[in-house]
Amino acid sequence: MESFGKVKILAARGARWAYLRVRIISVVMPVAIVAVDMIPGICPVWFAMMQAVCALAIAGVAFVVNGSGLRAAFPKER
């Protein structure tokens, strides 16, 4: 399995499959972080707060990555 860092580099170089993977990860990860934090007693409150801040940062990336500008840079191949 490839690391996320390698996927980001390949997306920056123009690999559409890597860009799609970054799009998916940027949407799924904030949801997963919040879902895990909502389980009672799984982590201390301060840790859940720090993860919420991280989820907000990743959600911000999701808005940028899923925007029309980047989607136009990686058109679907026919």
Foldseek 3Di string as FASTA:
>chain_A
DDDLVVLVVVVVVPDLVSLVVLLVCLVVVLVVLQVQLPPPPPDDPVVSVVSNVVSVVSVVVNCVSPDPVNCVSRDDDD
